[in-house]
């Protein structure tokens, strides 16, 4: 066993959280070890945020060519799953290459003395300050560090009784390896990831899709009106949603996937499809790290217990999916930076999770920030809400895409609580509201801001004006048609 030199900080995992932590420690002039057992960029780059969103964009491009309501008809448009995936891989390779190139440059000391050394190996703690590293060829070595950041990410959760073979029955880790568009598929789980893949394959129009949902509706964490718009879009594409249904069994038989579901009335149905995607959440990658032996507390579900990114061992911090608080790339990056700044005494501003913004790559697109109505009611937060249909937003009308709405929540005295935007380019409308929530902004702030025209954000402005009683769209005209809503919660 060979020994590496000592480091100021060791980051385990080169995904979004770990990479961000390493870069911030480099800023501070620290000697950094970045340990990665697989690929730089982690699942967020290779089997998650970038790869699946690239696939979503490509599917949207194709879906536009199939529309006949835009003044033109495209002819002779062909689509190949291997070619689509090749484009996805090209996007991933571009981003990975920039990360690897930067790491290569940072191996030499910066003017402040900072270095980042990439070590490709699996890591295991042998003491609170020592790691044993095992390379792919089995070679072992050790390193020591004064401080650590755990950012090992997560992997898809697999329910008991289902065998993942990586071909017929897959998780999101395997779906890009399919040789062609399946003729039919079942998606187990109607959360964000499952619904995103239903959107992607629905857009390409080559696959009959079934979704199994144990809840009364898809996207159960979102408001009913949001979920209903997405469900209607699915059903318009021929997607079958098994609502309030329990998966009894799923297995490969005679080259097909056979599954049995029982609906809310207790009736069982057996269905055969070509392939299955299991998408019921993710579990933290904490096994094999030796954390329990050094006193890092782990819950039964596998996630690391932490407070403001600090674990139960004071010099060891955790960021991203390993804590399973909020499993999003942007949160992982924020937590990685926050952990490094905290461990070196910079006293960073607390992360405002209540101003969290997110995008759901569905059809139509859904963007969110802050509280929705479901969350506000659960927390006992008094609120007022206004919703404006996209048919009243000029940009949506111009795009010939008016399915969806904009919905804004505020306290009775006008403090902004949250926003939901359902429709094309929804994500373009949320960041300004995230900023306002972080600053304690009000409806008057939204109204006072000059919004570009025509833009999606004008829907946000009109929601604020509805709550202020001065919208150009009048409730007595549009409320009856369901195009405008204003209520107290």
Protein backbone atom coordinates (compact mmCIF):
# COMPACT_ATOMS: atom_id res chain seq x y z
CA UNK A 1 0.00 0.00 0.00
CA UNK A 2 1.36 3.41 -1.02
CA UNK A 3 0.75 6.66 0.81
CA UNK A 4 -0.43 9.98 -0.60
CA UNK A 5 0.53 13.29 0.96
CA UNK A 6 -1.78 14.96 3.42
CA UNK A 7 -4.49 17.38 2.28
CA UNK A 8 -6.31 20.27 3.87
CA UNK A 9 -9.66 18.91 2.68
CA UNK A 10 -10.77 15.76 0.93
CA UNK A 11 -13.98 15.72 -1.11
CA UNK A 12 -15.45 12.28 -1.80
CA UNK A 13 -17.50 12.35 -4.98
CA UNK A 14 -16.99 14.47 -8.11
CA UNK A 15 -20.65 15.06 -8.88
CA UNK A 16 -22.26 18.51 -8.72
CA UNK A 17 -21.90 18.94 -4.95
CA UNK A 18 -18.40 17.54 -4.68
CA UNK A 19 -17.07 19.40 -7.69
CA UNK A 20 -18.48 22.69 -6.39
CA UNK A 21 -16.96 22.03 -2.95
CA UNK A 22 -13.53 21.32 -4.46
CA UNK A 23 -13.63 24.51 -6.53
CA UNK A 24 -14.58 26.62 -3.51
CA UNK A 25 -11.79 25.10 -1.41
CA UNK A 26 -9.37 25.87 -4.25
CA UNK A 27 -10.54 29.51 -4.12
CA UNK A 28 -9.48 29.56 -0.48
CA UNK A 29 -5.99 28.33 -1.28
CA UNK A 30 -6.46 24.85 0.15
CA UNK A 31 -4.83 21.59 -0.89
CA UNK A 32 -7.78 19.53 -2.07
CA UNK A 33 -8.14 15.83 -2.84
CA UNK A 34 -11.15 15.06 -5.04
CA UNK A 35 -11.87 11.32 -4.90
CA UNK A 36 -14.15 9.78 -7.53
CA UNK A 37 -14.65 6.05 -8.06
CA UNK A 38 -16.61 6.38 -11.31
CA UNK A 39 -16.98 9.34 -13.67
CA UNK A 40 -16.34 13.03 -13.14
CA UNK A 41 -19.69 14.80 -13.07
CA UNK A 42 -21.52 11.99 -11.29
CA UNK A 43 -25.07 10.87 -11.99
CA UNK A 44 -26.19 14.49 -12.29
CA UNK A 45 -24.18 14.79 -15.49
CA UNK A 46 -24.11 11.30 -16.97
CA UNK A 47 -27.42 9.70 -15.90
CA UNK A 48 -29.47 12.59 -14.61
CA UNK A 49 -29.88 16.32 -15.00
CA UNK A 50 -27.86 16.99 -18.15
CA UNK A 51 -28.40 13.73 -20.03
CA UNK A 52 -32.15 13.45 -19.43
CA UNK A 53 -32.76 17.14 -20.07
CA UNK A 54 -30.84 16.95 -23.34
CA UNK A 55 -33.06 14.03 -24.27
CA UNK A 56 -36.12 16.09 -23.30
CA UNK A 57 -35.07 19.01 -25.50
CA UNK A 58 -34.46 16.70 -28.45
CA UNK A 59 -37.87 15.10 -27.96
CA UNK A 60 -39.51 18.55 -27.91
CA UNK A 61 -37.75 19.47 -31.15
CA UNK A 62 -39.10 16.33 -32.75
CA UNK A 63 -42.61 16.86 -31.38
CA UNK A 64 -42.73 20.33 -32.98
CA UNK A 65 -42.03 18.79 -36.40
CA UNK A 66 -45.12 16.61 -35.95
CA UNK A 67 -47.53 19.47 -35.30
CA UNK A 68 -49.96 20.51 -38.03
CA UNK A 69 -51.33 23.70 -36.49
CA UNK A 70 -48.46 26.08 -37.15
CA UNK A 71 -48.88 26.89 -40.83
CA UNK A 72 -46.58 24.17 -42.13
CA UNK A 73 -46.36 20.40 -42.39
CA UNK A 74 -43.00 18.69 -42.10
CA UNK A 75 -42.55 15.62 -44.28
CA UNK A 76 -40.03 12.80 -44.30
CA UNK A 77 -38.85 13.40 -40.73
CA UNK A 78 -37.10 10.30 -39.44
CA UNK A 79 -35.96 9.57 -35.91
CA UNK A 80 -33.47 6.97 -34.65
CA UNK A 81 -33.09 6.19 -30.97
CA UNK A 82 -29.34 5.39 -31.28
CA UNK A 83 -28.79 8.68 -33.12
CA UNK A 84 -30.76 10.62 -30.51
CA UNK A 85 -28.73 9.01 -27.73
CA UNK A 86 -25.52 9.79 -29.61
CA UNK A 87 -26.51 13.45 -29.50
CA UNK A 88 -27.18 13.14 -25.76
CA UNK A 89 -23.78 11.57 -25.20
CA UNK A 90 -22.12 14.34 -27.21
CA UNK A 91 -23.67 16.92 -24.88
CA UNK A 92 -22.53 15.00 -21.80
CA UNK A 93 -19.01 14.55 -23.21
CA UNK A 94 -18.75 18.29 -23.89
CA UNK A 95 -19.52 19.16 -20.28
CA UNK A 96 -17.36 16.37 -18.84
CA UNK A 97 -14.43 17.50 -20.98
CA UNK A 98 -14.57 21.04 -19.58
CA UNK A 99 -14.61 19.69 -16.03
CA UNK A 100 -11.70 17.32 -16.61
CA UNK A 101 -9.69 20.02 -18.41
CA UNK A 102 -10.14 22.38 -15.48
CA UNK A 103 -9.12 19.71 -12.98
CA UNK A 104 -5.96 19.10 -14.99
CA UNK A 105 -5.03 22.77 -14.77
CA UNK A 106 -5.75 22.98 -11.04
CA UNK A 107 -3.25 20.28 -10.14
CA UNK A 108 -0.59 23.02 -10.13
CA UNK A 109 -0.65 25.49 -7.21
CA UNK A 110 -2.60 28.72 -7.70
CA UNK A 111 -1.15 32.07 -6.56
CA UNK A 112 -2.90 31.48 -3.23
CA UNK A 113 -1.53 27.93 -2.98
CA UNK A 114 -4.71 26.09 -3.91
CA UNK A 115 -4.51 22.73 -5.68
CA UNK A 116 -7.05 20.10 -6.65
CA UNK A 117 -5.81 16.54 -7.09
CA UNK A 118 -8.22 14.14 -8.78
CA UNK A 119 -7.90 10.59 -7.43
CA UNK A 120 -9.88 7.89 -9.22
CA UNK A 121 -10.66 5.30 -6.57
CA UNK A 122 -13.26 4.01 -4.14
CA UNK A 123 -12.85 5.45 -0.65
CA UNK A 124 -13.29 4.00 2.84
CA UNK A 125 -12.55 5.62 6.18
CA UNK A 126 -10.06 3.70 8.33
CA UNK A 127 -9.94 6.51 10.90
CA UNK A 128 -11.66 9.88 11.23
CA UNK A 129 -8.82 11.50 9.26
CA UNK A 130 -7.63 8.66 7.02
CA UNK A 131 -9.02 7.15 3.83
CA UNK A 132 -8.10 3.88 2.21
CA UNK A 133 -8.37 4.23 -1.57
CA UNK A 134 -8.89 1.28 -3.91
CA UNK A 135 -8.27 1.92 -7.61
CA UNK A 136 -10.03 0.07 -10.42
CA UNK A 137 -7.03 -2.25 -10.81
CA UNK A 138 -7.15 -3.15 -7.11
CA UNK A 139 -4.16 -1.04 -6.08
CA UNK A 140 -4.54 0.44 -2.62
CA UNK A 141 -3.24 3.64 -1.09
CA UNK A 142 -3.98 6.02 1.78
CA UNK A 143 -4.51 9.71 2.24
CA UNK A 144 -5.08 11.89 5.25
CA UNK A 145 -6.97 15.16 5.46
CA UNK A 146 -7.94 17.67 8.11
CA UNK A 147 -11.51 17.99 6.84
CA UNK A 148 -13.86 16.05 4.57
CA UNK A 149 -16.91 16.66 2.39
CA UNK A 150 -19.11 13.65 1.65
CA UNK A 151 -20.79 14.13 -1.74
CA UNK A 152 -21.23 10.61 -3.05
CA UNK A 153 -24.71 11.20 -4.50
CA UNK A 154 -27.45 8.61 -4.89
CA UNK A 155 -28.64 5.71 -7.04
CA UNK A 156 -32.13 4.69 -8.19
CA UNK A 157 -34.24 2.92 -5.59
CA UNK A 158 -35.34 -0.61 -6.54
CA UNK A 159 -38.39 -2.15 -4.82
CA UNK A 160 -38.24 -5.66 -3.42
CA UNK A 161 -39.43 -8.34 -5.79
CA UNK A 162 -38.35 -6.60 -9.01
CA UNK A 163 -35.19 -7.72 -10.78
CA UNK A 164 -33.40 -5.03 -12.75
CA UNK A 165 -31.69 -6.68 -15.71
CA UNK A 166 -30.58 -3.45 -17.39
CA UNK A 167 -32.29 -4.42 -20.66
CA UNK A 168 -35.99 -5.23 -20.36
CA UNK A 169 -36.38 -3.88 -16.83
CA UNK A 170 -34.29 -0.79 -16.18
CA UNK A 171 -33.77 2.26 -14.03
CA UNK A 172 -32.79 5.68 -15.34
CA UNK A 173 -29.17 4.45 -15.24
CA UNK A 174 -29.81 2.06 -18.15
CA UNK A 175 -32.47 3.66 -20.31
CA UNK A 176 -30.01 5.19 -22.78
CA UNK A 177 -28.62 1.75 -23.63
CA UNK A 178 -31.81 0.58 -25.35
CA UNK A 179 -31.21 -0.28 -29.02
CA UNK A 180 -34.40 1.39 -30.27
CA UNK A 181 -37.62 3.05 -29.17
CA UNK A 182 -39.69 0.37 -27.44
CA UNK A 183 -43.11 -0.31 -28.89
CA UNK A 184 -44.53 -0.19 -25.37
CA UNK A 185 -43.29 0.43 -21.86
CA UNK A 186 -44.52 0.70 -18.30
CA UNK A 187 -43.16 3.31 -15.91
CA UNK A 188 -43.33 2.35 -12.24
CA UNK A 189 -43.66 5.59 -10.30
CA UNK A 190 -45.36 8.88 -11.19
CA UNK A 191 -42.95 11.31 -9.56
CA UNK A 192 -40.80 13.82 -11.42
CA UNK A 193 -38.36 11.37 -13.01
CA UNK A 194 -41.04 8.93 -14.15
CA UNK A 195 -43.17 11.73 -15.58
CA UNK A 196 -40.18 13.28 -17.34
CA UNK A 197 -39.44 10.03 -19.16
CA UNK A 198 -43.12 9.61 -19.98
CA UNK A 199 -42.94 13.08 -21.53
CA UNK A 200 -39.81 12.25 -23.51
CA UNK A 201 -41.08 9.00 -25.01
CA UNK A 202 -44.53 10.51 -25.50
CA UNK A 203 -43.00 13.36 -27.50
CA UNK A 204 -41.25 10.93 -29.84
CA UNK A 205 -44.55 9.15 -30.41
CA UNK A 206 -43.06 5.71 -31.00
CA UNK A 207 -44.01 4.11 -27.69
CA UNK A 208 -47.26 3.16 -25.97
CA UNK A 209 -46.75 4.27 -22.38
CA UNK A 210 -48.31 3.07 -19.13
CA UNK A 211 -47.68 4.76 -15.76
CA UNK A 212 -48.37 3.08 -12.43
CA UNK A 213 -49.27 5.56 -9.70
CA UNK A 214 -50.15 4.54 -6.15
CA UNK A 215 -51.49 8.01 -5.43
CA UNK A 216 -54.83 9.46 -6.58
CA UNK A 217 -52.90 11.66 -9.03
CA UNK A 218 -49.46 12.03 -10.56
CA UNK A 219 -46.96 14.49 -9.03
CA UNK A 220 -48.55 14.16 -5.57
CA UNK A 221 -46.26 16.79 -4.04
CA UNK A 222 -47.65 19.44 -6.39
CA UNK A 223 -51.04 21.13 -6.39
CA UNK A 224 -53.91 19.31 -8.06
CA UNK A 225 -54.31 21.90 -10.81
CA UNK A 226 -50.65 21.50 -11.81
CA UNK A 227 -50.88 17.72 -11.89
CA UNK A 228 -54.14 17.81 -13.84
CA UNK A 229 -52.67 19.85 -16.71
CA UNK A 230 -49.78 17.39 -17.04
CA UNK A 231 -52.12 14.38 -16.80
CA UNK A 232 -54.35 15.76 -19.55
CA UNK A 233 -51.32 16.27 -21.78
CA UNK A 234 -50.24 12.67 -21.14
CA UNK A 235 -53.64 11.27 -21.97
CA UNK A 236 -53.77 13.36 -25.16
CA UNK A 237 -50.62 11.48 -26.22
CA UNK A 238 -52.27 8.14 -25.45
CA UNK A 239 -50.51 7.57 -22.13
CA UNK A 240 -52.40 5.21 -19.79
CA UNK A 241 -52.22 6.27 -16.13
CA UNK A 242 -53.05 3.52 -13.60
CA UNK A 243 -54.26 5.81 -10.81
CA UNK A 244 -54.42 4.58 -7.21
CA UNK A 245 -53.04 1.27 -8.36
CA UNK A 246 -50.76 -1.20 -6.63
CA UNK A 247 -48.10 -3.09 -8.53
CA UNK A 248 -48.52 -6.74 -7.56
CA UNK A 249 -45.75 -8.21 -9.69
CA UNK A 250 -43.46 -7.39 -12.59
CA UNK A 251 -41.19 -9.87 -14.39
CA UNK A 252 -39.80 -10.77 -17.79
CA UNK A 253 -41.71 -13.65 -19.40
CA UNK A 254 -41.09 -14.96 -22.90
CA UNK A 255 -39.11 -11.87 -23.85
CA UNK A 256 -41.77 -9.41 -22.66
CA UNK A 257 -42.41 -7.57 -19.41
CA UNK A 258 -45.55 -8.80 -17.71
CA UNK A 259 -46.97 -6.82 -14.82
CA UNK A 260 -50.06 -7.12 -12.65
CA UNK A 261 -51.75 -4.09 -11.11
CA UNK A 262 -54.69 -3.85 -8.74
CA UNK A 263 -56.80 -0.71 -8.93
CA UNK A 264 -58.57 1.15 -6.12
CA UNK A 265 -61.60 -1.13 -6.47
CA UNK A 266 -59.45 -4.22 -5.96
CA UNK A 267 -59.66 -5.38 -9.56
CA UNK A 268 -56.49 -6.95 -10.94
CA UNK A 269 -55.25 -6.55 -14.50
CA UNK A 270 -52.36 -8.28 -16.26
CA UNK A 271 -50.58 -6.31 -19.00
CA UNK A 272 -47.62 -7.19 -21.25
CA UNK A 273 -45.26 -4.54 -22.59
CA UNK A 274 -41.85 -4.54 -24.24
CA UNK A 275 -39.89 -2.78 -21.51
CA UNK A 276 -40.20 -1.33 -18.02
CA UNK A 277 -38.68 1.69 -16.30
CA UNK A 278 -38.58 1.61 -12.49
CA UNK A 279 -38.60 5.14 -11.11
CA UNK A 280 -39.60 5.28 -7.43
CA UNK A 281 -36.97 7.62 -6.06
CA UNK A 282 -33.32 7.39 -5.12
CA UNK A 283 -31.21 6.17 -2.19
CA UNK A 284 -27.98 7.73 -0.87
CA UNK A 285 -24.62 6.19 -1.77
CA UNK A 286 -23.25 5.68 1.73
CA UNK A 287 -22.51 1.96 1.84
CA UNK A 288 -18.89 0.93 2.02
CA UNK A 289 -17.59 4.29 3.20
CA UNK A 290 -16.99 3.09 6.76
CA UNK A 291 -18.93 6.02 8.20
CA UNK A 292 -20.54 4.23 11.13
CA UNK A 293 -17.15 3.10 12.44
CA UNK A 294 -15.94 6.70 12.76
CA UNK A 295 -19.13 8.06 14.35
CA UNK A 296 -20.99 9.59 11.40
CA UNK A 297 -24.68 9.02 12.12
CA UNK A 298 -26.74 7.46 9.33
CA UNK A 299 -30.49 7.00 9.37
CA UNK A 300 -32.14 3.67 8.54
CA UNK A 301 -32.93 4.95 5.06
CA UNK A 302 -29.20 5.41 4.45
CA UNK A 303 -29.01 9.20 4.43
CA UNK A 304 -26.39 11.01 6.46
CA UNK A 305 -27.62 13.04 9.43
CA UNK A 306 -26.40 16.63 9.20
CA UNK A 307 -27.17 20.13 10.41
CA UNK A 308 -26.22 22.97 8.09
CA UNK A 309 -24.12 20.40 6.16
CA UNK A 310 -22.09 19.38 9.25
CA UNK A 311 -22.37 15.72 10.26
CA UNK A 312 -22.15 14.28 13.78
CA UNK A 313 -18.35 14.23 13.35
CA UNK A 314 -17.42 17.95 13.43
CA UNK A 315 -14.71 17.93 10.73
CA UNK A 316 -16.83 15.90 8.28
CA UNK A 317 -19.51 17.60 6.19
CA UNK A 318 -22.12 16.31 3.73
CA UNK A 319 -23.64 17.85 0.60
CA UNK A 320 -26.23 16.82 -1.94
CA UNK A 321 -28.16 13.58 -2.24
CA UNK A 322 -26.34 11.80 0.60
CA UNK A 323 -28.45 13.79 3.06
CA UNK A 324 -31.62 13.32 0.96
CA UNK A 325 -33.11 16.60 2.14
CA UNK A 326 -33.66 17.93 -1.37
CA UNK A 327 -32.14 15.89 -4.20
CA UNK A 328 -31.45 18.57 -6.80
CA UNK A 329 -28.25 19.60 -8.57
CA UNK A 330 -28.56 23.27 -7.63
CA UNK A 331 -29.00 22.39 -3.97
CA UNK A 332 -26.03 20.01 -4.04
CA UNK A 333 -23.82 22.76 -5.46
CA UNK A 334 -25.02 25.29 -2.88
CA UNK A 335 -24.45 22.83 -0.04
CA UNK A 336 -20.97 21.92 -1.33
CA UNK A 337 -19.89 25.55 -1.31
CA UNK A 338 -21.60 26.21 2.00
CA UNK A 339 -19.84 23.24 3.62
CA UNK A 340 -16.40 24.45 2.59
CA UNK A 341 -17.03 28.01 3.68
CA UNK A 342 -18.36 26.78 7.02
CA UNK A 343 -15.46 24.44 7.76
CA UNK A 344 -12.97 27.24 7.19
CA UNK A 345 -14.80 29.77 9.35
CA UNK A 346 -16.25 32.09 6.70
CA UNK A 347 -19.72 32.08 8.33
CA UNK A 348 -21.67 31.93 5.04
CA UNK A 349 -25.24 33.18 4.80
CA UNK A 350 -27.70 30.34 5.51
CA UNK A 351 -29.12 28.53 2.50
CA UNK A 352 -32.71 29.69 2.00
CA UNK A 353 -34.45 26.44 1.18
CA UNK A 354 -37.79 28.26 1.19
CA UNK A 355 -36.58 30.12 -1.92
CA UNK A 356 -35.73 26.89 -3.69
CA UNK A 357 -36.49 26.95 -7.41
CA UNK A 358 -36.91 23.88 -9.60
CA UNK A 359 -37.90 22.86 -13.12
CA UNK A 360 -39.90 19.79 -14.10
CA UNK A 361 -39.23 18.86 -17.71
CA UNK A 362 -42.70 17.73 -18.61
CA UNK A 363 -45.30 18.56 -21.23
CA UNK A 364 -46.04 21.32 -20.54
CA UNK A 365 -42.95 22.44 -18.63
CA UNK A 366 -43.49 23.15 -14.92
CA UNK A 367 -41.38 25.56 -12.88
CA UNK A 368 -41.68 26.21 -9.17
CA UNK A 369 -40.26 28.34 -6.40
CA UNK A 370 -41.29 28.64 -2.77
CA UNK A 371 -44.56 27.30 -1.37
CA UNK A 372 -47.45 25.84 -3.31
CA UNK A 373 -51.00 25.68 -1.95
CA UNK A 374 -50.60 22.10 -0.73
CA UNK A 375 -47.50 23.02 1.28
CA UNK A 376 -48.98 26.24 2.62
CA UNK A 377 -52.04 24.40 3.93
CA UNK A 378 -49.88 21.66 5.48
CA UNK A 379 -47.76 24.28 7.27
CA UNK A 380 -50.78 26.29 8.39
CA UNK A 381 -49.59 29.35 6.47
CA UNK A 382 -52.33 31.85 5.63
CA UNK A 383 -52.15 32.87 1.99
CA UNK A 384 -53.87 34.51 -0.93
CA UNK A 385 -53.56 33.01 -4.40
CA UNK A 386 -54.11 34.23 -7.93
CA UNK A 387 -53.92 32.14 -11.09
CA UNK A 388 -53.93 33.46 -14.65
CA UNK A 389 -54.50 31.12 -17.58
CA UNK A 390 -51.87 31.15 -20.32
CA UNK A 391 -54.51 32.14 -22.86
CA UNK A 392 -54.36 35.59 -21.21
CA UNK A 393 -50.56 35.85 -21.59
CA UNK A 394 -49.51 37.35 -24.92
CA UNK A 395 -46.26 35.39 -25.23
CA UNK A 396 -48.12 32.09 -24.88
CA UNK A 397 -50.66 33.20 -27.45
CA UNK A 398 -47.82 34.13 -29.82
CA UNK A 399 -46.20 30.72 -29.32
CA UNK A 400 -49.55 29.07 -30.08
CA UNK A 401 -49.19 27.18 -26.83
CA UNK A 402 -51.68 28.21 -24.16
CA UNK A 403 -52.10 25.04 -22.10
CA UNK A 404 -51.24 25.83 -18.49
CA UNK A 405 -51.24 28.82 -16.17
CA UNK A 406 -49.28 31.06 -13.81
CA UNK A 407 -50.09 30.89 -10.09
CA UNK A 408 -48.73 33.19 -7.39
CA UNK A 409 -49.06 32.86 -3.59
CA UNK A 410 -48.62 35.68 -1.10
CA UNK A 411 -49.37 36.33 2.55
CA UNK A 412 -52.50 38.39 3.36
CA UNK A 413 -50.27 41.46 3.75
CA UNK A 414 -48.62 40.92 0.35
CA UNK A 415 -45.32 39.13 1.07
CA UNK A 416 -44.49 36.74 -1.79
CA UNK A 417 -44.61 33.06 -0.79
CA UNK A 418 -44.35 31.03 -3.98
CA UNK A 419 -44.92 30.70 -7.69
CA UNK A 420 -45.93 27.91 -10.06
CA UNK A 421 -45.68 28.34 -13.84
CA UNK A 422 -47.07 25.66 -16.15
CA UNK A 423 -46.30 26.09 -19.84
CA UNK A 424 -43.50 26.61 -22.35
CA UNK A 425 -40.46 28.54 -21.08
CA UNK A 426 -41.84 28.29 -17.55
CA UNK A 427 -38.34 28.31 -16.07
CA UNK A 428 -37.71 31.82 -17.41
CA UNK A 429 -40.23 33.24 -14.94
CA UNK A 430 -39.10 31.88 -11.59
CA UNK A 431 -35.66 33.26 -10.77
CA UNK A 432 -36.83 36.81 -10.15
CA UNK A 433 -39.44 35.50 -7.72
CA UNK A 434 -36.82 33.34 -5.98
CA UNK A 435 -34.78 36.51 -5.47
CA UNK A 436 -37.80 38.36 -4.11
CA UNK A 437 -38.68 35.56 -1.69
CA UNK A 438 -35.08 35.56 -0.44
CA UNK A 439 -35.30 39.30 0.20
CA UNK A 440 -38.83 39.24 1.64
CA UNK A 441 -40.26 40.96 -1.45
CA UNK A 442 -43.91 41.89 -1.95
CA UNK A 443 -46.62 42.02 -4.60
CA UNK A 444 -45.92 45.74 -4.98
CA UNK A 445 -42.32 44.90 -5.94
CA UNK A 446 -43.56 42.63 -8.75
CA UNK A 447 -46.06 45.22 -9.96
CA UNK A 448 -43.50 48.02 -9.88
CA UNK A 449 -40.94 46.09 -11.95
CA UNK A 450 -40.97 46.82 -15.71
CA UNK A 451 -41.47 43.47 -17.45
CA UNK A 452 -40.44 42.91 -21.06
CA UNK A 453 -43.18 42.44 -23.64
CA UNK A 454 -44.22 39.96 -24.73
CA UNK A 455 -42.78 37.67 -22.07
CA UNK A 456 -43.88 34.80 -19.84
CA UNK A 457 -43.14 36.97 -16.80
CA UNK A 458 -46.09 39.20 -17.67
CA UNK A 459 -48.28 36.38 -16.37
CA UNK A 460 -46.52 36.71 -13.02
CA UNK A 461 -47.10 40.45 -13.04
CA UNK A 462 -50.79 40.01 -13.77
CA UNK A 463 -51.11 37.51 -10.90
CA UNK A 464 -49.67 40.14 -8.57
CA UNK A 465 -52.03 42.74 -9.97
CA UNK A 466 -55.00 40.42 -9.52
CA UNK A 467 -54.15 40.14 -5.83
CA UNK A 468 -53.68 43.91 -5.65
CA UNK A 469 -57.03 44.47 -7.34
CA UNK A 470 -55.68 46.24 -10.43
CA UNK A 471 -55.19 43.64 -13.15
CA UNK A 472 -56.05 44.44 -16.75
CA UNK A 473 -57.93 41.10 -16.71
CA UNK A 474 -61.15 41.41 -14.73
CA UNK A 475 -62.43 38.62 -12.49
CA UNK A 476 -66.07 39.17 -13.40
CA UNK A 477 -65.21 38.46 -17.05
CA UNK A 478 -62.78 35.55 -16.88
CA UNK A 479 -63.41 33.77 -13.56
CA UNK A 480 -66.51 31.98 -14.86
CA UNK A 481 -64.51 30.43 -17.68
CA UNK A 482 -61.82 29.28 -15.25
CA UNK A 483 -59.22 31.53 -16.86
CA UNK A 484 -58.60 33.63 -13.76
CA UNK A 485 -58.75 32.73 -10.09
CA UNK A 486 -58.30 34.71 -6.90
CA UNK A 487 -58.89 33.18 -3.50
CA UNK A 488 -57.83 33.09 0.13
CA UNK A 489 -56.30 29.95 1.61
